[in-house]
Protein backbone atom coordinates (compact mmCIF):
# COMPACT_ATOMS: atom_id res chain seq x y z
CA UNK A 1 -6.81 0.94 1.65
CA UNK A 2 -2.87 1.41 1.94
CA UNK A 3 -3.01 2.60 -1.41
CA UNK A 4 -5.90 4.93 -1.07
CA UNK A 5 -4.26 6.49 2.13
CA UNK A 6 -1.43 8.26 0.62
CA UNK A 7 -1.57 7.86 -3.13
CA UNK A 8 -4.66 10.55 -3.99
CA UNK A 9 -2.69 13.38 -2.54
CA UNK A 10 1.07 12.64 -4.48
CA UNK A 11 0.19 16.08 -6.09
CA UNK A 12 0.16 18.04 -2.68
CA UNK A 13 3.46 15.97 -1.54
CA UNK A 14 4.70 17.03 -4.98
CA UNK A 15 4.63 20.74 -4.06
CA UNK A 16 4.65 21.22 -0.34
CA UNK A 17 7.17 18.78 0.30
CA UNK A 18 9.52 18.00 -2.40
CA UNK A 19 8.98 22.05 -3.87
CA UNK A 20 7.91 21.71 -7.29
CA UNK A 21 6.14 24.43 -8.88
CA UNK A 22 6.16 24.22 -12.42
CA UNK A 23 4.75 21.00 -14.42
CA UNK A 24 2.80 19.99 -11.45
CA UNK A 25 0.51 18.02 -13.19
CA UNK A 26 2.50 16.33 -15.48
CA UNK A 27 4.66 14.78 -12.61
CA UNK A 28 1.83 14.19 -11.00
CA UNK A 29 0.59 11.57 -13.69
CA UNK A 30 3.93 10.36 -14.17
CA UNK A 31 4.47 9.34 -10.32
CA UNK A 32 1.57 7.64 -10.71
CA UNK A 33 1.49 6.18 -14.64
CA UNK A 34 5.02 4.67 -13.77
CA UNK A 35 4.05 2.31 -11.18
CA UNK A 36 1.12 0.61 -13.15
CA UNK A 37 3.26 0.40 -16.10
CA UNK A 38 6.21 -1.40 -14.48
CA UNK A 39 3.55 -3.56 -12.79
CA UNK A 40 2.20 -4.69 -15.87
CA UNK A 41 5.34 -5.30 -17.82
CA UNK A 42 6.55 -7.66 -14.59
CA UNK A 43 3.00 -9.06 -14.25
CA UNK A 44 3.93 -12.03 -16.57
CA UNK A 45 7.04 -12.76 -14.66
CA UNK A 46 5.12 -13.00 -11.00
CA UNK A 47 2.14 -14.79 -12.88
CA UNK A 48 4.72 -17.87 -13.85
CA UNK A 49 6.28 -17.93 -10.26
CA UNK A 50 2.68 -18.25 -8.75
CA UNK A 51 2.03 -20.87 -10.91
CA UNK A 52 5.34 -22.49 -10.00
CA UNK A 53 5.27 -21.63 -6.00
CA UNK A 54 2.06 -20.59 -4.97
CA UNK A 55 -0.13 -17.37 -4.82
CA UNK A 56 0.63 -17.13 -0.61
CA UNK A 57 4.32 -16.72 -1.57
CA UNK A 58 3.62 -13.78 -3.97
CA UNK A 59 1.46 -12.16 -1.47
CA UNK A 60 3.81 -12.12 1.15
CA UNK A 61 6.73 -11.02 -1.44
CA UNK A 62 4.18 -8.31 -2.58
CA UNK A 63 3.43 -7.34 0.75
CA UNK A 64 6.66 -6.85 1.95
CA UNK A 65 7.75 -4.90 -1.03
CA UNK A 66 4.82 -2.47 -0.90
CA UNK A 67 5.40 -1.90 2.76
CA UNK A 68 9.05 -0.82 1.98
CA UNK A 69 7.88 1.45 -0.87
CA UNK A 70 5.49 3.04 1.01
CA UNK A 71 8.12 3.62 4.32
CA UNK A 72 10.88 4.44 1.85
CA UNK A 73 8.66 7.31 0.66
CA UNK A 74 8.98 8.56 4.34
CA UNK A 75 12.74 9.36 3.17
CA UNK A 76 12.25 11.25 -0.32
CA UNK A 77 13.10 14.84 -0.60
CA UNK A 78 13.67 15.09 -4.02
CA UNK A 79 11.65 14.18 -7.34
CA UNK A 80 13.97 11.93 -8.60
CA UNK A 81 14.21 9.43 -5.81
CA UNK A 82 10.46 9.55 -5.49
CA UNK A 83 10.05 8.37 -8.97
CA UNK A 84 12.74 5.74 -8.55
CA UNK A 85 10.62 4.47 -5.30
CA UNK A 86 7.37 4.83 -7.75
CA UNK A 87 9.74 2.64 -10.21
CA UNK A 88 10.29 0.22 -7.20
CA UNK A 89 6.76 -0.05 -5.71
CA UNK A 90 5.64 -1.35 -9.64
CA UNK A 91 7.97 -4.07 -9.68
CA UNK A 92 6.91 -5.23 -6.20
CA UNK A 93 2.95 -4.72 -6.97
CA UNK A 94 0.53 -7.92 -7.44
CA UNK A 95 -0.78 -7.93 -4.21
CA UNK A 96 -4.52 -8.02 -5.13
CA UNK A 97 -4.17 -10.22 -8.07
CA UNK A 98 -2.66 -12.64 -5.89
CA UNK A 99 -5.27 -12.64 -3.15
CA UNK A 100 -8.16 -13.13 -5.83
CA UNK A 101 -6.22 -16.30 -7.25
CA UNK A 102 -5.48 -17.51 -3.80
CA UNK A 103 -9.03 -16.84 -2.58
CA UNK A 104 -10.75 -18.28 -6.08
CA UNK A 105 -8.73 -21.56 -5.63
CA UNK A 106 -8.68 -22.31 -2.32
CA UNK A 107 -12.67 -21.19 -1.48
CA UNK A 108 -15.12 -24.43 -1.60
CA UNK A 109 -17.03 -23.87 -5.31
CA UNK A 110 -20.17 -23.18 -3.55
CA UNK A 111 -18.65 -20.47 -1.75
CA UNK A 112 -16.67 -18.78 -4.38
CA UNK A 113 -19.09 -16.35 -5.20
CA UNK A 114 -19.57 -15.40 -1.55
CA UNK A 115 -15.54 -15.07 -1.03
CA UNK A 116 -15.20 -12.78 -3.97
CA UNK A 117 -17.97 -10.64 -3.18
CA UNK A 118 -15.98 -10.46 0.17
CA UNK A 119 -13.10 -9.02 -1.70
CA UNK A 120 -15.07 -7.14 -4.00
CA UNK A 121 -16.54 -5.24 -0.82
CA UNK A 122 -13.43 -4.64 1.10
CA UNK A 123 -11.65 -3.23 -1.91
CA UNK A 124 -14.59 -0.61 -2.29
CA UNK A 125 -14.29 0.01 1.67
CA UNK A 126 -10.77 0.66 1.21
CA UNK A 127 -11.67 3.36 -1.44
CA UNK A 128 -13.87 5.03 0.93
CA UNK A 129 -12.29 4.86 3.99
CA UNK A 130 -8.33 5.45 2.68
CA UNK A 131 -8.83 8.69 1.32
CA UNK A 132 -10.89 9.65 4.37
CA UNK A 133 -8.44 8.30 6.53
CA UNK A 134 -5.48 9.75 5.02
CA UNK A 135 -7.07 13.38 5.11
CA UNK A 136 -7.65 13.40 9.05
CA UNK A 137 -4.44 11.67 9.26
CA UNK A 138 -2.30 14.15 7.45
CA UNK A 139 -3.66 16.84 9.89
CA UNK A 140 -1.87 15.51 12.74
CA UNK A 141 1.33 13.94 11.14
CA UNK A 142 1.53 15.60 7.60
CA UNK A 143 1.74 13.76 4.36
CA UNK A 144 4.70 11.90 5.17
CA UNK A 145 3.27 10.29 8.32
CA UNK A 146 0.58 8.93 5.61
CA UNK A 147 3.25 7.20 4.11
CA UNK A 148 4.12 5.63 7.30
CA UNK A 149 0.66 4.45 7.89
CA UNK A 150 0.36 2.98 4.37
CA UNK A 151 3.52 0.79 4.86
CA UNK A 152 2.55 -0.55 8.38
CA UNK A 153 -0.58 -1.65 7.00
CA UNK A 154 0.59 -3.42 3.81
CA UNK A 155 3.32 -4.96 6.46
CA UNK A 156 0.52 -6.53 8.56
CA UNK A 157 -1.22 -7.69 5.70
CA UNK A 158 1.44 -9.50 4.68
CA UNK A 159 2.15 -10.88 8.06
CA UNK A 160 -1.60 -12.07 7.83
CA UNK A 161 -1.17 -14.11 4.86
CA UNK A 162 1.77 -16.10 6.45
CA UNK A 163 -1.17 -17.98 8.50
CA UNK A 164 -2.92 -18.85 5.59
CA UNK A 165 -3.11 -22.66 4.60
CA UNK A 166 -2.73 -22.97 0.77
CA UNK A 167 -3.93 -26.08 -1.09
CA UNK A 168 -2.62 -25.95 -4.58
CA UNK A 169 -4.08 -28.17 -7.58
CA UNK A 170 -1.88 -29.60 -10.11
CA UNK A 171 -2.69 -28.04 -13.38
CA UNK A 172 -3.85 -30.36 -16.05
CA UNK A 173 -2.16 -29.55 -19.24
CA UNK A 174 -0.76 -26.57 -21.05
CA UNK A 175 -2.26 -23.77 -20.33
CA UNK A 176 -3.30 -21.08 -23.58
CA UNK A 177 -0.77 -18.56 -24.26
CA UNK A 178 -1.93 -14.48 -24.08
CA UNK A 179 -1.64 -14.43 -27.67
CA UNK A 180 -3.70 -17.23 -28.20
CA UNK A 181 -6.31 -15.88 -26.33
CA UNK A 182 -6.13 -12.57 -28.35
CA UNK A 183 -6.48 -14.46 -31.35
CA UNK A 184 -9.71 -16.29 -29.88
CA UNK A 185 -11.11 -12.82 -28.72
CA UNK A 186 -10.18 -11.25 -32.07
CA UNK A 187 -12.61 -14.00 -33.66
CA UNK A 188 -15.42 -12.14 -31.85
CA UNK A 189 -15.77 -8.33 -32.85
CA UNK A 190 -18.21 -7.55 -30.29
CA UNK A 191 -15.66 -8.79 -27.08
CA UNK A 192 -12.97 -6.39 -29.28
CA UNK A 193 -15.33 -3.45 -29.06
CA UNK A 194 -16.20 -4.30 -25.50
CA UNK A 195 -12.37 -4.42 -24.61
CA UNK A 196 -11.93 -1.05 -26.54
CA UNK A 197 -14.88 0.61 -24.30
CA UNK A 198 -13.36 -1.04 -21.22
CA UNK A 199 -9.76 1.01 -22.28
CA UNK A 200 -11.80 4.25 -22.60
CA UNK A 201 -13.79 4.01 -19.61
CA UNK A 202 -10.50 3.02 -17.55
CA UNK A 203 -8.91 6.08 -19.07
CA UNK A 204 -11.91 8.52 -18.64
CA UNK A 205 -11.26 7.77 -14.90
CA UNK A 206 -7.58 7.52 -14.30
CA UNK A 207 -7.25 10.62 -16.27
CA UNK A 208 -8.48 12.59 -13.60
CA UNK A 209 -6.64 11.01 -10.34
CA UNK A 210 -3.66 13.45 -10.43
CA UNK A 211 -5.74 16.14 -10.95
CA UNK A 212 -8.32 16.09 -8.04
CA UNK A 213 -6.55 17.34 -5.50
CA UNK A 214 -5.08 20.39 -7.52
CA UNK A 215 -8.70 21.03 -8.66
CA UNK A 216 -9.84 21.09 -5.21
CA UNK A 217 -7.12 23.52 -4.02
CA UNK A 218 -8.08 25.80 -7.05
CA UNK A 219 -11.90 25.90 -6.29
CA UNK A 220 -10.72 27.37 -3.15
CA UNK A 221 -9.92 24.96 -0.14
CA UNK A 222 -7.13 25.98 2.09
CA UNK A 223 -3.86 24.31 1.44
CA UNK A 224 -3.49 23.15 5.14
CA UNK A 225 -7.31 21.62 4.92
CA UNK A 226 -6.64 20.27 0.99
CA UNK A 227 -6.13 16.41 1.75
CA UNK A 228 -9.18 15.93 3.94
CA UNK A 229 -11.03 17.94 0.81
CA UNK A 230 -9.63 15.81 -1.26
CA UNK A 231 -10.28 12.83 0.74
CA UNK A 232 -14.06 13.93 0.79
CA UNK A 233 -13.83 14.49 -3.09
CA UNK A 234 -12.08 11.14 -3.76
CA UNK A 235 -14.62 8.99 -1.29
CA UNK A 236 -17.95 10.55 -2.70
CA UNK A 237 -17.59 7.93 -5.71
CA UNK A 238 -16.90 5.09 -3.68
CA UNK A 239 -19.78 5.73 -1.46
CA UNK A 240 -21.80 6.29 -4.39
CA UNK A 241 -20.72 2.96 -6.10
CA UNK A 242 -21.05 0.83 -2.94
CA UNK A 243 -25.00 2.23 -2.78
CA UNK A 244 -26.02 1.64 -6.03
CA UNK A 245 -23.62 -0.99 -7.65
CA UNK A 246 -25.35 -4.26 -6.74
CA UNK A 247 -28.92 -2.15 -7.74
CA UNK A 248 -27.79 -1.84 -11.11
CA UNK A 249 -26.86 -5.05 -11.66
CA UNK A 250 -30.33 -6.47 -10.64
CA UNK A 251 -31.49 -3.72 -13.18
CA UNK A 252 -28.84 -5.05 -16.06
CA UNK A 253 -30.53 -8.31 -15.48
CA UNK A 254 -34.19 -7.09 -15.92
CA UNK A 255 -33.90 -4.76 -18.52
CA UNK A 256 -30.63 -5.76 -20.33
CA UNK A 257 -26.92 -4.61 -19.70
CA UNK A 258 -26.52 -2.71 -22.88
CA UNK A 259 -29.19 -0.43 -21.29
CA UNK A 260 -27.74 0.06 -18.32
CA UNK A 261 -24.38 0.26 -19.50
CA UNK A 262 -25.59 3.19 -21.72
CA UNK A 263 -27.48 4.81 -18.62
CA UNK A 264 -24.29 4.70 -16.72
CA UNK A 265 -22.13 6.41 -19.66
CA UNK A 266 -24.61 8.94 -20.10
CA UNK A 267 -24.83 9.97 -16.52
CA UNK A 268 -21.10 9.66 -16.20
CA UNK A 269 -20.52 11.70 -19.08
CA UNK A 270 -22.84 14.61 -17.80
CA UNK A 271 -21.50 14.39 -14.80
CA UNK A 272 -18.21 15.19 -16.23
CA UNK A 273 -19.71 18.10 -18.16
CA UNK A 274 -21.03 19.88 -15.01
CA UNK A 275 -17.96 19.19 -12.90
CA UNK A 276 -16.07 21.03 -15.86
CA UNK A 277 -18.07 23.96 -15.23
CA UNK A 278 -18.46 24.27 -11.24
CA UNK A 279 -16.76 26.50 -9.18
CA UNK A 280 -17.80 26.07 -5.86
CA UNK A 281 -16.12 22.95 -3.31
CA UNK A 282 -19.24 21.70 -1.99
CA UNK A 283 -21.16 21.58 -5.42
CA UNK A 284 -17.82 19.34 -6.69
CA UNK A 285 -18.15 16.77 -4.47
CA UNK A 286 -21.87 16.71 -4.44
CA UNK A 287 -21.59 16.33 -8.37
CA UNK A 288 -18.58 13.50 -7.70
CA UNK A 289 -21.38 11.91 -6.03
CA UNK A 290 -24.10 12.27 -8.46
CA UNK A 291 -21.61 10.86 -10.98
CA UNK A 292 -20.77 8.16 -8.91
CA UNK A 293 -24.33 6.55 -8.56
CA UNK A 294 -24.62 6.27 -12.41
CA UNK A 295 -21.04 5.70 -13.16
CA UNK A 296 -21.43 2.65 -10.82
CA UNK A 297 -23.43 0.56 -13.79
CA UNK A 298 -20.54 0.74 -15.92
CA UNK A 299 -18.06 -2.12 -15.01
CA UNK A 300 -20.61 -4.67 -13.95
CA UNK A 301 -22.55 -4.04 -17.46
CA UNK A 302 -19.05 -4.16 -19.58
CA UNK A 303 -18.22 -7.63 -17.42
CA UNK A 304 -21.59 -8.81 -17.65
CA UNK A 305 -21.44 -8.31 -21.58
CA UNK A 306 -17.97 -10.19 -21.91
CA UNK A 307 -19.67 -13.32 -20.24
CA UNK A 308 -22.55 -12.92 -22.67
CA UNK A 309 -20.62 -12.59 -25.90
CA UNK A 310 -18.40 -15.45 -25.19
CA UNK A 311 -18.22 -19.15 -25.44
CA UNK A 312 -18.51 -21.05 -22.29
CA UNK A 313 -15.29 -22.30 -22.39
CA UNK A 314 -13.71 -18.89 -23.00
CA UNK A 315 -15.54 -16.90 -20.45
CA UNK A 316 -12.69 -17.24 -17.48
CA UNK A 317 -10.28 -16.02 -20.08
CA UNK A 318 -12.35 -13.23 -21.78
CA UNK A 319 -12.91 -11.45 -18.57
CA UNK A 320 -8.96 -11.76 -17.69
CA UNK A 321 -8.29 -10.06 -21.30
CA UNK A 322 -10.62 -7.10 -20.09
CA UNK A 323 -8.54 -6.72 -17.07
CA UNK A 324 -5.39 -6.09 -19.31
CA UNK A 325 -7.46 -3.59 -21.37
CA UNK A 326 -8.45 -1.68 -17.75
CA UNK A 327 -4.53 -1.79 -17.14
CA UNK A 328 -3.75 -0.49 -20.11
CA UNK A 329 -6.09 2.47 -19.38
CA UNK A 330 -5.09 2.80 -16.24
CA UNK A 331 -1.22 3.16 -17.44
CA UNK A 332 -2.47 5.81 -20.11
CA UNK A 333 -5.19 7.54 -17.87
CA UNK A 334 -3.03 9.24 -15.24
CA UNK A 335 -0.34 10.13 -17.75
CA UNK A 336 -2.53 11.94 -20.42
CA UNK A 337 -4.55 13.52 -17.50
CA UNK A 338 -1.57 14.98 -16.20
CA UNK A 339 -0.04 16.33 -19.67
CA UNK A 340 -3.49 17.56 -20.62
CA UNK A 341 -4.00 19.34 -17.05
CA UNK A 342 -0.94 21.06 -17.55
CA UNK A 343 -1.50 22.26 -20.96
CA UNK A 344 -5.18 22.71 -21.61
CA UNK A 345 -6.44 23.60 -17.70
CA UNK A 346 -8.87 20.93 -15.46
CA UNK A 347 -11.89 21.71 -16.07
CA UNK A 348 -11.33 21.01 -20.22
CA UNK A 349 -10.23 17.63 -18.93
CA UNK A 350 -12.99 16.95 -17.09
CA UNK A 351 -15.08 18.32 -20.85
CA UNK A 352 -13.31 15.80 -22.82
CA UNK A 353 -13.89 12.82 -20.73
CA UNK A 354 -17.71 13.97 -20.70
CA UNK A 355 -17.53 13.63 -24.27
CA UNK A 356 -16.03 10.31 -24.34
CA UNK A 357 -18.35 8.69 -21.94
CA UNK A 358 -21.06 10.17 -24.37
CA UNK A 359 -19.30 9.11 -27.20
CA UNK A 360 -19.00 5.70 -25.83
CA UNK A 361 -23.21 5.87 -24.53
CA UNK A 362 -23.54 6.43 -28.53
CA UNK A 363 -21.56 3.89 -29.78
CA UNK A 364 -23.08 1.21 -27.62
CA UNK A 365 -26.38 2.07 -28.76
CA UNK A 366 -25.61 2.03 -32.57
CA UNK A 367 -24.15 -1.45 -31.93
CA UNK A 368 -26.85 -3.11 -30.45
CA UNK A 369 -25.25 -4.63 -27.48
CA UNK A 370 -28.65 -6.04 -26.34
CA UNK A 371 -30.45 -8.18 -29.16
CA UNK A 372 -32.99 -10.97 -28.84
CA UNK A 373 -30.15 -13.62 -28.82
CA UNK A 374 -28.10 -11.96 -26.20
CA UNK A 375 -31.10 -11.73 -24.06
CA UNK A 376 -31.61 -15.70 -24.50
CA UNK A 377 -27.85 -15.66 -23.40
CA UNK A 378 -28.61 -13.68 -20.51
CA UNK A 379 -31.47 -15.95 -19.34
CA UNK A 380 -28.91 -19.14 -19.53
CA UNK A 381 -25.93 -17.30 -17.94
CA UNK A 382 -28.11 -15.47 -15.04
CA UNK A 383 -26.25 -17.41 -12.11
CA UNK A 384 -22.78 -16.37 -13.52
CA UNK A 385 -23.40 -12.95 -14.57
CA UNK A 386 -24.86 -12.40 -11.00
CA UNK A 387 -21.62 -13.43 -9.44
CA UNK A 388 -19.64 -11.13 -12.02
CA UNK A 389 -21.78 -7.74 -11.18
CA UNK A 390 -21.34 -8.80 -7.46
CA UNK A 391 -17.56 -8.77 -7.78
CA UNK A 392 -16.84 -6.02 -10.23
CA UNK A 393 -19.37 -3.04 -8.82
CA UNK A 394 -16.16 -1.37 -7.92
CA UNK A 395 -14.49 -1.07 -11.10
CA UNK A 396 -10.75 -1.15 -11.33
CA UNK A 397 -8.38 -0.19 -8.21
């Protein structure tokens, strides 16, 4: 919630508070991508420290650092300093992965699925509440006040972690390197195709992040109420995902996850095509909600397909590699979207993402991910798949 309370409104902050008038889309994309890029580069280092000292210290480290970054934004008055703060925020990132690791390794096996499901639901709830709360709060205290709120929330989270008891287990043997995992994944071409799809899907989602708030203003929202209007638009997809994510998981268990993936990609692609030609704010919000109803099927299906196609002793690491593909998309998406939005216009970006998703649907159909042997694997791994679907219905955050 602390993230979505302020980050979706970066374009308005750049324009209204920092006085940026040209290249707004591009700089909004840079400001979002730079943090994820630095976070991805630092992730192995923080991960090694977590292995050595535990996840709890990493949670506290990240929580305090992120809180400082959010609070620092309150005092930013030029673009260069803002980018520096975003770089620092990337250095301090890692709160969500560390929290998942802490819960997963300190929860009894029979309750792990439920505990991770709670985290997934909480993440989705934050994605819904954050933009709405940020939009409402900005009416009272302005954009800078949202940064203060984000910092306080993050700091409170870090303080709460101090009261958590972590039980650490000694690792047996050396853990395979990422390079070894990549080589093993390369031996299964279908896994590589799924990772490619995850990259495309992640880019299609994040390419729009620096543009949505600007597009809301272009559709006629008054700048004084733009944050509230943008908050509603951002939350629409989250609401739709919460309503239908688990249902798509059950449908996939019956008809095949390849089929639900195709349905989700087609629905998401058509939704983006329609958003390219919308001319009213209310219609745009409704289309975002409709897009979310279908797109909620995509990430659970992709993760379930990874479990189906990976060997039993490689499934956990195969899913972890999918997060690498997703993170790459999270870095590329905002940067690409920012430059494309300023070059060809935002409607054409919606058009391109729609075509990309429809092309992905055709590729999935042509590749035949749900063949008979996969159906047998689905039956054997029903319990594992249900946990994956439950925990990943909200996509990247």
